[in-house]
Amino acid sequence: MTDPWERPGHGPSDPEGYLIEQTADGYRWTCRADGRTGGPFPCREDAVAAAEADRTA
Protein backbone atom coordinates (compact mmCIF):
# COMPACT_ATOMS: atom_id res chain seq x y z
CA MET A 1 0.00 0.00 0.00
CA THR A 2 1.27 3.48 -0.89
CA ASP A 3 1.81 5.97 1.92
CA PRO A 4 -0.90 8.66 1.50
CA TRP A 5 1.71 11.40 2.03
CA GLU A 6 3.42 10.26 -1.19
CA ARG A 7 0.29 10.88 -3.27
CA PRO A 8 -0.23 14.65 -3.72
CA GLY A 9 -3.71 15.70 -2.74
CA HIS A 10 -4.43 12.49 -0.90
CA GLY A 11 -2.90 13.19 2.48
CA PRO A 12 -5.02 12.37 5.50
CA SER A 13 -5.11 16.03 6.55
CA ASP A 14 -6.38 17.52 3.26
CA PRO A 15 -9.44 19.69 3.93
CA GLU A 16 -12.66 18.62 2.24
CA GLY A 17 -12.80 20.04 -1.29
CA TYR A 18 -9.13 21.05 -1.44
CA LEU A 19 -6.06 19.55 -3.06
CA ILE A 20 -2.74 20.02 -1.22
CA GLU A 21 0.32 19.54 -3.43
CA GLN A 22 4.05 19.84 -2.99
CA THR A 23 5.65 22.03 -5.67
CA ALA A 24 9.19 23.15 -6.40
CA ASP A 25 8.73 26.25 -4.22
CA GLY A 26 6.77 24.73 -1.30
CA TYR A 27 3.20 23.54 -0.79
CA ARG A 28 0.07 24.91 -2.47
CA TRP A 29 -3.64 24.35 -2.07
CA THR A 30 -6.20 24.31 -4.86
CA CYS A 31 -9.95 24.65 -4.31
CA ARG A 32 -11.50 21.81 -6.31
CA ALA A 33 -14.80 23.71 -6.81
CA ASP A 34 -13.44 26.80 -8.56
CA GLY A 35 -9.70 26.34 -9.12
CA ARG A 36 -8.53 29.07 -6.72
CA THR A 37 -5.04 28.48 -5.35
CA GLY A 38 -2.99 29.59 -2.38
CA GLY A 39 0.69 29.44 -1.58
CA PRO A 40 3.45 28.68 -1.66
CA PHE A 41 3.74 27.65 1.99
CA PRO A 42 6.90 26.30 3.62
CA CYS A 43 5.24 23.13 4.92
CA ARG A 44 2.15 20.98 4.35
CA GLU A 45 0.68 21.94 7.72
CA ASP A 46 0.71 25.65 6.77
CA ALA A 47 -0.97 24.90 3.44
CA VAL A 48 -3.64 22.80 5.18
CA ALA A 49 -4.30 25.57 7.74
CA ALA A 50 -4.63 28.17 4.98
CA ALA A 51 -7.00 25.96 2.96
CA GLU A 52 -9.15 25.37 6.04
CA ALA A 53 -9.26 29.12 6.68
CA ASP A 54 -10.23 29.74 3.05
CA ARG A 55 -12.95 27.10 3.28
CA THR A 56 -14.57 28.79 6.27
CA ALA A 57 -14.20 32.35 4.92
PDB file of N, CA and C in Angstrom:
ATOM      1  N   MET A   1       0.841  -1.185   0.000  1.00  0.00           N
ATOM      2  CA  MET A   1       0.000   0.000   0.000  1.00  0.00           C
ATOM      3  C   MET A   1       0.883   1.244   0.000  1.00  0.00           C
ATOM      4  N   THR A   2       0.512   2.247  -0.789  1.00  0.00           N
ATOM      5  CA  THR A   2       1.269   3.483  -0.890  1.00  0.00           C
ATOM      6  C   THR A   2       0.959   4.390   0.287  1.00  0.00           C
ATOM      7  N   ASP A   3       1.989   5.010   0.842  1.00  0.00           N
ATOM      8  CA  ASP A   3       1.808   5.973   1.916  1.00  0.00           C
ATOM      9  C   ASP A   3       1.021   7.159   1.378  1.00  0.00           C
ATOM     10  N   PRO A   4      -0.088   7.550   2.031  1.00  0.00           N
ATOM     11  CA  PRO A   4      -0.897   8.657   1.502  1.00  0.00           C
ATOM     12  C   PRO A   4      -0.131   9.958   1.379  1.00  0.00           C
ATOM     13  N   TRP A   5       0.928  10.157   2.145  1.00  0.00           N
ATOM     14  CA  TRP A   5       1.709  11.396   2.031  1.00  0.00           C
ATOM     15  C   TRP A   5       2.481  11.445   0.722  1.00  0.00           C
ATOM     16  N   GLU A   6       2.686  10.300   0.073  1.00  0.00           N
ATOM     17  CA  GLU A   6       3.418  10.257  -1.189  1.00  0.00           C
ATOM     18  C   GLU A   6       2.519  10.542  -2.382  1.00  0.00           C
ATOM     19  N   ARG A   7       1.227  10.617  -2.178  1.00  0.00           N
ATOM     20  CA  ARG A   7       0.292  10.879  -3.267  1.00  0.00           C
ATOM     21  C   ARG A   7      -0.260  12.287  -3.090  1.00  0.00           C
ATOM     22  N   PRO A   8       0.223  13.270  -3.882  1.00  0.00           N
ATOM     23  CA  PRO A   8      -0.230  14.652  -3.718  1.00  0.00           C
ATOM     24  C   PRO A   8      -1.752  14.756  -3.750  1.00  0.00           C
ATOM     25  N   GLY A   9      -2.275  15.510  -2.794  1.00  0.00           N
ATOM     26  CA  GLY A   9      -3.713  15.705  -2.738  1.00  0.00           C
ATOM     27  C   GLY A   9      -4.469  14.605  -2.047  1.00  0.00           C
ATOM     28  N   HIS A  10      -3.762  13.604  -1.545  1.00  0.00           N
ATOM     29  CA  HIS A  10      -4.430  12.487  -0.896  1.00  0.00           C
ATOM     30  C   HIS A  10      -3.940  12.277   0.531  1.00  0.00           C
ATOM     31  N   GLY A  11      -3.356  13.308   1.110  1.00  0.00           N
ATOM     32  CA  GLY A  11      -2.900  13.191   2.484  1.00  0.00           C
ATOM     33  C   GLY A  11      -4.081  13.143   3.435  1.00  0.00           C
ATOM     34  N   PRO A  12      -3.909  12.514   4.556  1.00  0.00           N
ATOM     35  CA  PRO A  12      -5.018  12.373   5.498  1.00  0.00           C
ATOM     36  C   PRO A  12      -5.500  13.706   6.068  1.00  0.00           C
ATOM     37  N   SER A  13      -4.699  14.758   5.972  1.00  0.00           N
ATOM     38  CA  SER A  13      -5.109  16.030   6.554  1.00  0.00           C
ATOM     39  C   SER A  13      -5.660  17.025   5.524  1.00  0.00           C
ATOM     40  N   ASP A  14      -5.839  16.607   4.277  1.00  0.00           N
ATOM     41  CA  ASP A  14      -6.375  17.523   3.264  1.00  0.00           C
ATOM     42  C   ASP A  14      -7.795  17.936   3.624  1.00  0.00           C
ATOM     43  N   PRO A  15      -8.071  19.233   3.651  1.00  0.00           N
ATOM     44  CA  PRO A  15      -9.443  19.689   3.934  1.00  0.00           C
ATOM     45  C   PRO A  15     -10.405  19.245   2.834  1.00  0.00           C
ATOM     46  N   GLU A  16     -11.638  19.024   3.199  1.00  0.00           N
ATOM     47  CA  GLU A  16     -12.659  18.618   2.238  1.00  0.00           C
ATOM     48  C   GLU A  16     -12.747  19.640   1.109  1.00  0.00           C
ATOM     49  N   GLY A  17     -12.657  19.173  -0.129  1.00  0.00           N
ATOM     50  CA  GLY A  17     -12.804  20.045  -1.292  1.00  0.00           C
ATOM     51  C   GLY A  17     -11.528  20.742  -1.730  1.00  0.00           C
ATOM     52  N   TYR A  18     -10.401  20.412  -1.097  1.00  0.00           N
ATOM     53  CA  TYR A  18      -9.129  21.051  -1.444  1.00  0.00           C
ATOM     54  C   TYR A  18      -8.088  20.005  -1.781  1.00  0.00           C
ATOM     55  N   LEU A  19      -7.189  20.380  -2.676  1.00  0.00           N
ATOM     56  CA  LEU A  19      -6.062  19.551  -3.064  1.00  0.00           C
ATOM     57  C   LEU A  19      -4.805  20.221  -2.517  1.00  0.00           C
ATOM     58  N   ILE A  20      -4.003  19.512  -1.744  1.00  0.00           N
ATOM     59  CA  ILE A  20      -2.744  20.022  -1.223  1.00  0.00           C
ATOM     60  C   ILE A  20      -1.628  19.325  -1.992  1.00  0.00           C
ATOM     61  N   GLU A  21      -0.747  20.116  -2.610  1.00  0.00           N
ATOM     62  CA  GLU A  21       0.322  19.544  -3.425  1.00  0.00           C
ATOM     63  C   GLU A  21       1.658  20.160  -3.064  1.00  0.00           C
ATOM     64  N   GLN A  22       2.700  19.336  -3.150  1.00  0.00           N
ATOM     65  CA  GLN A  22       4.054  19.840  -2.990  1.00  0.00           C
ATOM     66  C   GLN A  22       4.543  20.279  -4.362  1.00  0.00           C
ATOM     67  N   THR A  23       5.103  21.487  -4.425  1.00  0.00           N
ATOM     68  CA  THR A  23       5.647  22.026  -5.673  1.00  0.00           C
ATOM     69  C   THR A  23       7.123  22.348  -5.459  1.00  0.00           C
ATOM     70  N   ALA A  24       7.768  22.831  -6.489  1.00  0.00           N
ATOM     71  CA  ALA A  24       9.189  23.151  -6.396  1.00  0.00           C
ATOM     72  C   ALA A  24       9.474  24.243  -5.369  1.00  0.00           C
ATOM     73  N   ASP A  25       8.498  25.130  -5.134  1.00  0.00           N
ATOM     74  CA  ASP A  25       8.725  26.251  -4.218  1.00  0.00           C
ATOM     75  C   ASP A  25       8.001  26.106  -2.889  1.00  0.00           C
ATOM     76  N   GLY A  26       7.447  24.952  -2.579  1.00  0.00           N
ATOM     77  CA  GLY A  26       6.767  24.730  -1.304  1.00  0.00           C
ATOM     78  C   GLY A  26       5.485  23.944  -1.519  1.00  0.00           C
ATOM     79  N   TYR A  27       4.497  24.202  -0.693  1.00  0.00           N
ATOM     80  CA  TYR A  27       3.196  23.536  -0.794  1.00  0.00           C
ATOM     81  C   TYR A  27       2.135  24.534  -1.224  1.00  0.00           C
ATOM     82  N   ARG A  28       1.176  24.079  -2.002  1.00  0.00           N
ATOM     83  CA  ARG A  28       0.071  24.908  -2.466  1.00  0.00           C
ATOM     84  C   ARG A  28      -1.235  24.169  -2.252  1.00  0.00           C
ATOM     85  N   TRP A  29      -2.310  24.944  -2.087  1.00  0.00           N
ATOM     86  CA  TRP A  29      -3.639  24.348  -2.074  1.00  0.00           C
ATOM     87  C   TRP A  29      -4.400  24.821  -3.301  1.00  0.00           C
ATOM     88  N   THR A  30      -5.312  23.984  -3.752  1.00  0.00           N
ATOM     89  CA  THR A  30      -6.205  24.307  -4.857  1.00  0.00           C
ATOM     90  C   THR A  30      -7.615  23.954  -4.423  1.00  0.00           C
ATOM     91  N   CYS A  31      -8.544  24.903  -4.588  1.00  0.00           N
ATOM     92  CA  CYS A  31      -9.946  24.647  -4.306  1.00  0.00           C
ATOM     93  C   CYS A  31     -10.508  23.860  -5.476  1.00  0.00           C
ATOM     94  N   ARG A  32     -11.003  22.671  -5.232  1.00  0.00           N
ATOM     95  CA  ARG A  32     -11.504  21.814  -6.308  1.00  0.00           C
ATOM     96  C   ARG A  32     -12.744  22.407  -6.991  1.00  0.00           C
ATOM     97  N   ALA A  33     -13.543  23.186  -6.259  1.00  0.00           N
ATOM     98  CA  ALA A  33     -14.796  23.707  -6.814  1.00  0.00           C
ATOM     99  C   ALA A  33     -14.571  24.791  -7.855  1.00  0.00           C
ATOM    100  N   ASP A  34     -13.586  25.680  -7.633  1.00  0.00           N
ATOM    101  CA  ASP A  34     -13.443  26.800  -8.558  1.00  0.00           C
ATOM    102  C   ASP A  34     -12.012  27.053  -9.032  1.00  0.00           C
ATOM    103  N   GLY A  35     -11.067  26.229  -8.615  1.00  0.00           N
ATOM    104  CA  GLY A  35      -9.703  26.335  -9.121  1.00  0.00           C
ATOM    105  C   GLY A  35      -8.836  27.396  -8.459  1.00  0.00           C
ATOM    106  N   ARG A  36      -9.362  28.093  -7.433  1.00  0.00           N
ATOM    107  CA  ARG A  36      -8.532  29.068  -6.724  1.00  0.00           C
ATOM    108  C   ARG A  36      -7.352  28.358  -6.086  1.00  0.00           C
ATOM    109  N   THR A  37      -6.234  29.069  -5.954  1.00  0.00           N
ATOM    110  CA  THR A  37      -5.042  28.484  -5.348  1.00  0.00           C
ATOM    111  C   THR A  37      -4.497  29.401  -4.271  1.00  0.00           C
ATOM    112  N   GLY A  38      -3.682  28.837  -3.411  1.00  0.00           N
ATOM    113  CA  GLY A  38      -2.990  29.591  -2.383  1.00  0.00           C
ATOM    114  C   GLY A  38      -1.609  29.021  -2.182  1.00  0.00           C
ATOM    115  N   GLY A  39      -0.671  29.889  -1.833  1.00  0.00           N
ATOM    116  CA  GLY A  39       0.685  29.435  -1.579  1.00  0.00           C
ATOM    117  C   GLY A  39       1.683  30.215  -2.397  1.00  0.00           C
ATOM    118  N   PRO A  40       2.916  29.873  -2.306  1.00  0.00           N
ATOM    119  CA  PRO A  40       3.453  28.679  -1.660  1.00  0.00           C
ATOM    120  C   PRO A  40       3.594  28.846  -0.148  1.00  0.00           C
ATOM    121  N   PHE A  41       3.558  27.722   0.543  1.00  0.00           N
ATOM    122  CA  PHE A  41       3.736  27.655   1.987  1.00  0.00           C
ATOM    123  C   PHE A  41       4.955  26.778   2.262  1.00  0.00           C
ATOM    124  N   PRO A  42       5.670  27.055   3.349  1.00  0.00           N
ATOM    125  CA  PRO A  42       6.901  26.299   3.618  1.00  0.00           C
ATOM    126  C   PRO A  42       6.680  24.845   4.009  1.00  0.00           C
ATOM    127  N   CYS A  43       5.493  24.516   4.522  1.00  0.00           N
ATOM    128  CA  CYS A  43       5.241  23.128   4.923  1.00  0.00           C
ATOM    129  C   CYS A  43       3.777  22.769   4.658  1.00  0.00           C
ATOM    130  N   ARG A  44       3.504  21.477   4.621  1.00  0.00           N
ATOM    131  CA  ARG A  44       2.152  20.981   4.352  1.00  0.00           C
ATOM    132  C   ARG A  44       1.167  21.489   5.401  1.00  0.00           C
ATOM    133  N   GLU A  45       1.582  21.511   6.653  1.00  0.00           N
ATOM    134  CA  GLU A  45       0.680  21.939   7.719  1.00  0.00           C
ATOM    135  C   GLU A  45       0.203  23.377   7.509  1.00  0.00           C
ATOM    136  N   ASP A  46       1.103  24.257   7.045  1.00  0.00           N
ATOM    137  CA  ASP A  46       0.714  25.646   6.774  1.00  0.00           C
ATOM    138  C   ASP A  46      -0.281  25.724   5.618  1.00  0.00           C
ATOM    139  N   ALA A  47      -0.059  24.910   4.589  1.00  0.00           N
ATOM    140  CA  ALA A  47      -0.972  24.905   3.442  1.00  0.00           C
ATOM    141  C   ALA A  47      -2.348  24.384   3.862  1.00  0.00           C
ATOM    142  N   VAL A  48      -2.374  23.357   4.690  1.00  0.00           N
ATOM    143  CA  VAL A  48      -3.644  22.800   5.179  1.00  0.00           C
ATOM    144  C   VAL A  48      -4.384  23.847   6.002  1.00  0.00           C
ATOM    145  N   ALA A  49      -3.674  24.539   6.899  1.00  0.00           N
ATOM    146  CA  ALA A  49      -4.301  25.565   7.736  1.00  0.00           C
ATOM    147  C   ALA A  49      -4.875  26.683   6.881  1.00  0.00           C
ATOM    148  N   ALA A  50      -4.148  27.102   5.854  1.00  0.00           N
ATOM    149  CA  ALA A  50      -4.626  28.174   4.978  1.00  0.00           C
ATOM    150  C   ALA A  50      -5.843  27.724   4.170  1.00  0.00           C
ATOM    151  N   ALA A  51      -5.841  26.482   3.708  1.00  0.00           N
ATOM    152  CA  ALA A  51      -6.996  25.962   2.963  1.00  0.00           C
ATOM    153  C   ALA A  51      -8.213  25.873   3.864  1.00  0.00           C
ATOM    154  N   GLU A  52      -8.029  25.430   5.109  1.00  0.00           N
ATOM    155  CA  GLU A  52      -9.152  25.369   6.044  1.00  0.00           C
ATOM    156  C   GLU A  52      -9.706  26.761   6.326  1.00  0.00           C
ATOM    157  N   ALA A  53      -8.820  27.742   6.454  1.00  0.00           N
ATOM    158  CA  ALA A  53      -9.257  29.122   6.681  1.00  0.00           C
ATOM    159  C   ALA A  53     -10.032  29.641   5.463  1.00  0.00           C
ATOM    160  N   ASP A  54      -9.549  29.310   4.266  1.00  0.00           N
ATOM    161  CA  ASP A  54     -10.232  29.736   3.045  1.00  0.00           C
ATOM    162  C   ASP A  54     -11.609  29.086   2.953  1.00  0.00           C
ATOM    163  N   ARG A  55     -11.691  27.849   3.349  1.00  0.00           N
ATOM    164  CA  ARG A  55     -12.955  27.103   3.276  1.00  0.00           C
ATOM    165  C   ARG A  55     -14.027  27.724   4.175  1.00  0.00           C
ATOM    166  N   THR A  56     -13.612  28.232   5.329  1.00  0.00           N
ATOM    167  CA  THR A  56     -14.574  28.793   6.268  1.00  0.00           C
ATOM    168  C   THR A  56     -14.796  30.287   6.070  1.00  0.00           C
ATOM    169  N   ALA A  57     -14.067  30.887   5.167  1.00  0.00           N
ATOM    170  CA  ALA A  57     -14.200  32.347   4.919  1.00  0.00           C
ATOM    171  C   ALA A  57     -15.455  32.664   4.135  1.00  0.00           C
TER     172      ALA A  57
END
